Amino acid sequence: MVNVIPQSLNPLGKIEMGKILIFGLIYKRLEILIDRSSKESRESCVIDLKEEVIRRQSILIFPAENMNRTEQLLGNFYDGAFRIAIETQILPLTIIHTKELMPRNNPLAIKNGVIKCVFSKEIDVEGLKMGDLLYLKNRVYKEMESQLLAHETQQETKLVIG
């Protein structure tokens, strides 16, 4: 993500990832950690993330509930990212080809390859209230889904032509 996003950022990450040997040490220093099972942790993270935005620091949130193990293009989204977005701004970033390279049901079967990151146009949240959360969440979901579909079609075309 550091190579894709042209400015410094603070990502939000699951606290469980900090338990992975060596990787966890680095992860803990670079991420704002959240324990999704703890209401206090979730509330604290929202405050921390909003403070980062106020300081003009970009934040990165993966809104999906977990790794998508279904045939759907995207998993369900949590509300937290969209609560913060209503008060700040949102720029969807869709990561393409991860399912092929990082099989969800067998994490040890990671393959070499290239992922593609696609920024969508900024979504204006001016005038939105917390009652508009579902609208915003659905809008971002549909935007990201359309990016995945567009690139899935391109990939199939390349395979047929190539």
C-alpha atoms as a PDB file:
ATOM      1  CA  MET A   1       0.000   0.000   0.000  1.00  0.00           C
ATOM      2  CA  VAL A   2       2.928   2.315   0.643  1.00  0.00           C
ATOM      3  CA  ASN A   3       3.816   2.210  -3.062  1.00  0.00           C
ATOM      4  CA  VAL A   4       0.241   2.923  -4.167  1.00  0.00           C
ATOM      5  CA  ILE A   5      -0.834   5.767  -1.912  1.00  0.00           C
ATOM      6  CA  PRO A   6       1.147   8.929  -2.713  1.00  0.00           C
ATOM      7  CA  GLN A   7       1.235  10.285   0.848  1.00  0.00           C
ATOM      8  CA  SER A   8       1.808   9.006   4.336  1.00  0.00           C
ATOM      9  CA  LEU A   9      -1.091   7.248   5.979  1.00  0.00           C
ATOM     10  CA  ASN A  10      -2.153   5.473   9.119  1.00  0.00           C
ATOM     11  CA  PRO A  11      -3.894   2.166   8.475  1.00  0.00           C
ATOM     12  CA  LEU A  12      -6.341   0.476  10.816  1.00  0.00           C
ATOM     13  CA  GLY A  13      -5.489  -3.145  11.509  1.00  0.00           C
ATOM     14  CA  LYS A  14      -6.817  -6.083  13.464  1.00  0.00           C
ATOM     15  CA  ILE A  15      -5.065  -6.630  16.768  1.00  0.00           C
ATOM     16  CA  GLU A  16      -4.748 -10.359  16.013  1.00  0.00           C
ATOM     17  CA  MET A  17      -2.246  -9.603  13.233  1.00  0.00           C
ATOM     18  CA  GLY A  18       0.141  -8.207  15.838  1.00  0.00           C
ATOM     19  CA  LYS A  19       0.562 -11.730  17.248  1.00  0.00           C
ATOM     20  CA  ILE A  20       2.313 -13.054  14.140  1.00  0.00           C
ATOM     21  CA  LEU A  21       6.025 -13.549  14.802  1.00  0.00           C
ATOM     22  CA  ILE A  22       8.392 -10.868  13.374  1.00  0.00           C
ATOM     23  CA  PHE A  23       5.632  -9.446  11.110  1.00  0.00           C
ATOM     24  CA  GLY A  24       3.657  -8.576  14.251  1.00  0.00           C
ATOM     25  CA  LEU A  25       6.453  -6.385  15.615  1.00  0.00           C
ATOM     26  CA  ILE A  26       6.442  -4.271  12.463  1.00  0.00           C
ATOM     27  CA  TYR A  27       2.658  -4.309  12.228  1.00  0.00           C
ATOM     28  CA  LYS A  28       2.203  -2.961  15.766  1.00  0.00           C
ATOM     29  CA  ARG A  29       4.431   0.032  14.998  1.00  0.00           C
ATOM     30  CA  LEU A  30       2.710   0.976  11.732  1.00  0.00           C
ATOM     31  CA  GLU A  31      -0.979   0.347  12.388  1.00  0.00           C
ATOM     32  CA  ILE A  32      -3.693   1.726  14.627  1.00  0.00           C
ATOM     33  CA  LEU A  33      -4.777  -1.556  16.190  1.00  0.00           C
ATOM     34  CA  ILE A  34      -8.391  -2.510  16.802  1.00  0.00           C
ATOM     35  CA  ASP A  35      -9.862  -5.349  18.804  1.00  0.00           C
ATOM     36  CA  ARG A  36     -13.173  -5.711  16.975  1.00  0.00           C
ATOM     37  CA  SER A  37     -14.610  -7.765  19.835  1.00  0.00           C
ATOM     38  CA  SER A  38     -14.167  -4.830  22.247  1.00  0.00           C
ATOM     39  CA  LYS A  39     -16.568  -1.884  22.175  1.00  0.00           C
ATOM     40  CA  GLU A  40     -13.990   0.247  24.001  1.00  0.00           C
ATOM     41  CA  SER A  41     -11.320  -0.564  21.421  1.00  0.00           C
ATOM     42  CA  ARG A  42     -13.663   0.253  18.532  1.00  0.00           C
ATOM     43  CA  GLU A  43     -14.642   3.587  20.114  1.00  0.00           C
ATOM     44  CA  SER A  44     -11.007   4.452  20.864  1.00  0.00           C
ATOM     45  CA  CYS A  45      -9.979   3.677  17.284  1.00  0.00           C
ATOM     46  CA  VAL A  46     -12.700   5.933  15.875  1.00  0.00           C
ATOM     47  CA  ILE A  47     -11.363   8.790  18.030  1.00  0.00           C
ATOM     48  CA  ASP A  48      -7.750   8.052  16.987  1.00  0.00           C
ATOM     49  CA  LEU A  49      -8.645   7.866  13.290  1.00  0.00           C
ATOM     50  CA  LYS A  50     -10.636  11.105  13.388  1.00  0.00           C
ATOM     51  CA  GLU A  51      -7.679  12.832  15.078  1.00  0.00           C
ATOM     52  CA  GLU A  52      -5.415  11.621  12.277  1.00  0.00           C
ATOM     53  CA  VAL A  53      -7.760  13.106   9.670  1.00  0.00           C
ATOM     54  CA  ILE A  54      -7.936  16.404  11.601  1.00  0.00           C
ATOM     55  CA  ARG A  55      -4.114  16.476  11.480  1.00  0.00           C
ATOM     56  CA  ARG A  56      -4.474  16.051   7.683  1.00  0.00           C
ATOM     57  CA  GLN A  57      -3.115  12.521   7.839  1.00  0.00           C
ATOM     58  CA  SER A  58      -4.716   9.981   5.508  1.00  0.00           C
ATOM     59  CA  ILE A  59      -6.125   6.834   7.028  1.00  0.00           C
ATOM     60  CA  LEU A  60      -6.657   3.436   5.448  1.00  0.00           C
ATOM     61  CA  ILE A  61      -9.521   1.203   6.533  1.00  0.00           C
ATOM     62  CA  PHE A  62     -10.442  -2.150   5.075  1.00  0.00           C
ATOM     63  CA  PRO A  63     -14.212  -2.052   5.654  1.00  0.00           C
ATOM     64  CA  ALA A  64     -14.975  -5.744   5.066  1.00  0.00           C
ATOM     65  CA  GLU A  65     -15.974  -7.831   8.061  1.00  0.00           C
ATOM     66  CA  ASN A  66     -13.357 -10.451   7.221  1.00  0.00           C
ATOM     67  CA  MET A  67     -11.620 -12.092   4.289  1.00  0.00           C
ATOM     68  CA  ASN A  68     -14.278 -12.981   1.753  1.00  0.00           C
ATOM     69  CA  ARG A  69     -14.553 -16.768   1.539  1.00  0.00           C
ATOM     70  CA  THR A  70     -17.687 -16.678  -0.620  1.00  0.00           C
ATOM     71  CA  GLU A  71     -18.195 -16.510  -4.364  1.00  0.00           C
ATOM     72  CA  GLN A  72     -19.349 -12.887  -4.027  1.00  0.00           C
ATOM     73  CA  LEU A  73     -16.916 -10.252  -5.214  1.00  0.00           C
ATOM     74  CA  LEU A  74     -16.972  -8.454  -1.846  1.00  0.00           C
ATOM     75  CA  GLY A  75     -17.802  -9.404   1.694  1.00  0.00           C
ATOM     76  CA  ASN A  76     -20.123  -7.421   3.946  1.00  0.00           C
ATOM     77  CA  PHE A  77     -18.883  -4.080   5.215  1.00  0.00           C
ATOM     78  CA  TYR A  78     -18.701  -2.875   8.810  1.00  0.00           C
ATOM     79  CA  ASP A  79     -20.236   0.535   9.562  1.00  0.00           C
ATOM     80  CA  GLY A  80     -17.202   2.124  11.273  1.00  0.00           C
ATOM     81  CA  ALA A  81     -15.351   3.321   8.188  1.00  0.00           C
ATOM     82  CA  PHE A  82     -18.496   4.993   6.911  1.00  0.00           C
ATOM     83  CA  ARG A  83     -19.217   6.717  10.219  1.00  0.00           C
ATOM     84  CA  ILE A  84     -15.802   8.315   9.995  1.00  0.00           C
ATOM     85  CA  ALA A  85     -16.246   9.070   6.276  1.00  0.00           C
ATOM     86  CA  ILE A  86     -19.494  10.952   6.866  1.00  0.00           C
ATOM     87  CA  GLU A  87     -17.552  13.333   9.090  1.00  0.00           C
ATOM     88  CA  THR A  88     -14.507  13.575   6.836  1.00  0.00           C
ATOM     89  CA  GLN A  89     -14.274  12.373   3.203  1.00  0.00           C
ATOM     90  CA  ILE A  90     -13.935   9.078   1.367  1.00  0.00           C
ATOM     91  CA  LEU A  91     -11.850   7.883  -1.533  1.00  0.00           C
ATOM     92  CA  PRO A  92     -12.536   4.230  -2.396  1.00  0.00           C
ATOM     93  CA  LEU A  93      -9.517   2.108  -3.271  1.00  0.00           C
ATOM     94  CA  THR A  94     -10.228  -1.296  -4.784  1.00  0.00           C
ATOM     95  CA  ILE A  95      -7.557  -3.982  -4.757  1.00  0.00           C
ATOM     96  CA  ILE A  96      -7.823  -6.256  -7.784  1.00  0.00           C
ATOM     97  CA  HIS A  97      -6.672  -9.904  -8.170  1.00  0.00           C
ATOM     98  CA  THR A  98      -6.213 -10.715  -4.485  1.00  0.00           C
ATOM     99  CA  LYS A  99      -8.559 -13.699  -4.553  1.00  0.00           C
ATOM    100  CA  GLU A 100      -6.468 -15.397  -7.231  1.00  0.00           C
ATOM    101  CA  LEU A 101      -3.170 -14.708  -5.493  1.00  0.00           C
ATOM    102  CA  MET A 102      -4.226 -15.173  -1.870  1.00  0.00           C
ATOM    103  CA  PRO A 103      -6.680 -18.105  -1.706  1.00  0.00           C
ATOM    104  CA  ARG A 104      -9.048 -17.528   1.213  1.00  0.00           C
ATOM    105  CA  ASN A 105      -9.452 -21.168   2.203  1.00  0.00           C
ATOM    106  CA  ASN A 106      -5.750 -21.984   2.056  1.00  0.00           C
ATOM    107  CA  PRO A 107      -3.586 -19.053   3.217  1.00  0.00           C
ATOM    108  CA  LEU A 108      -0.411 -21.068   2.677  1.00  0.00           C
ATOM    109  CA  ALA A 109      -1.140 -21.279  -1.067  1.00  0.00           C
ATOM    110  CA  ILE A 110      -0.171 -17.653  -1.748  1.00  0.00           C
ATOM    111  CA  LYS A 111       1.009 -17.217  -5.339  1.00  0.00           C
ATOM    112  CA  ASN A 112       3.368 -14.773  -7.016  1.00  0.00           C
ATOM    113  CA  GLY A 113       1.637 -12.212  -9.150  1.00  0.00           C
ATOM    114  CA  VAL A 114       0.651  -8.608  -9.521  1.00  0.00           C
ATOM    115  CA  ILE A 115      -2.232  -6.966  -7.754  1.00  0.00           C
ATOM    116  CA  LYS A 116      -3.748  -3.809  -9.113  1.00  0.00           C
ATOM    117  CA  CYS A 117      -5.032  -0.945  -6.999  1.00  0.00           C
ATOM    118  CA  VAL A 118      -7.707   1.294  -8.478  1.00  0.00           C
ATOM    119  CA  PHE A 119      -8.737   4.616  -6.963  1.00  0.00           C
ATOM    120  CA  SER A 120     -12.314   5.646  -7.643  1.00  0.00           C
ATOM    121  CA  LYS A 121     -13.425   9.246  -7.744  1.00  0.00           C
ATOM    122  CA  GLU A 122     -13.793  10.893  -4.364  1.00  0.00           C
ATOM    123  CA  ILE A 123     -17.290  10.464  -2.962  1.00  0.00           C
ATOM    124  CA  ASP A 124     -18.737  13.703  -1.670  1.00  0.00           C
ATOM    125  CA  VAL A 125     -20.191  13.321   1.813  1.00  0.00           C
ATOM    126  CA  GLU A 126     -21.195  16.939   2.275  1.00  0.00           C
ATOM    127  CA  GLY A 127     -24.606  17.119   3.911  1.00  0.00           C
ATOM    128  CA  LEU A 128     -24.710  13.435   4.840  1.00  0.00           C
ATOM    129  CA  LYS A 129     -25.794  12.547   8.364  1.00  0.00           C
ATOM    130  CA  MET A 130     -25.442   9.325  10.340  1.00  0.00           C
ATOM    131  CA  GLY A 131     -28.896   8.367   9.066  1.00  0.00           C
ATOM    132  CA  ASP A 132     -27.313   8.198   5.586  1.00  0.00           C
ATOM    133  CA  LEU A 133     -24.774   5.574   6.647  1.00  0.00           C
ATOM    134  CA  LEU A 134     -26.470   2.690   4.816  1.00  0.00           C
ATOM    135  CA  TYR A 135     -26.757   4.810   1.652  1.00  0.00           C
ATOM    136  CA  LEU A 136     -23.033   5.656   1.754  1.00  0.00           C
ATOM    137  CA  LYS A 137     -22.029   2.079   2.537  1.00  0.00           C
ATOM    138  CA  ASN A 138     -24.099   0.764  -0.388  1.00  0.00           C
ATOM    139  CA  ARG A 139     -22.743   3.424  -2.731  1.00  0.00           C
ATOM    140  CA  VAL A 140     -19.137   2.530  -1.925  1.00  0.00           C
ATOM    141  CA  TYR A 141     -19.914  -1.194  -2.119  1.00  0.00           C
ATOM    142  CA  LYS A 142     -21.421  -0.782  -5.598  1.00  0.00           C
ATOM    143  CA  GLU A 143     -18.480   1.348  -6.743  1.00  0.00           C
ATOM    144  CA  MET A 144     -15.933  -1.204  -5.564  1.00  0.00           C
ATOM    145  CA  GLU A 145     -17.966  -4.066  -7.006  1.00  0.00           C
ATOM    146  CA  SER A 146     -18.101  -2.315 -10.391  1.00  0.00           C
ATOM    147  CA  GLN A 147     -14.307  -1.876 -10.320  1.00  0.00           C
ATOM    148  CA  LEU A 148     -13.840  -5.586  -9.624  1.00  0.00           C
ATOM    149  CA  LEU A 149     -16.246  -6.536 -12.414  1.00  0.00           C
ATOM    150  CA  ALA A 150     -14.587  -4.169 -14.889  1.00  0.00           C
ATOM    151  CA  HIS A 151     -11.149  -5.585 -14.186  1.00  0.00           C
ATOM    152  CA  GLU A 152     -12.374  -9.180 -14.139  1.00  0.00           C
ATOM    153  CA  THR A 153     -13.677  -8.616 -17.682  1.00  0.00           C
ATOM    154  CA  GLN A 154     -10.384  -7.039 -18.737  1.00  0.00           C
ATOM    155  CA  GLN A 155      -8.450  -9.951 -17.312  1.00  0.00           C
ATOM    156  CA  GLU A 156     -10.625 -12.478 -19.167  1.00  0.00           C
ATOM    157  CA  THR A 157     -10.193 -10.510 -22.390  1.00  0.00           C
ATOM    158  CA  LYS A 158      -6.424 -10.478 -21.966  1.00  0.00           C
ATOM    159  CA  LEU A 159      -6.399 -14.235 -21.423  1.00  0.00           C
ATOM    160  CA  VAL A 160      -8.453 -14.863 -24.552  1.00  0.00           C
ATOM    161  CA  ILE A 161      -6.423 -12.505 -26.750  1.00  0.00           C
ATOM    162  CA  GLY A 162      -3.001 -13.177 -25.210  1.00  0.00           C
END
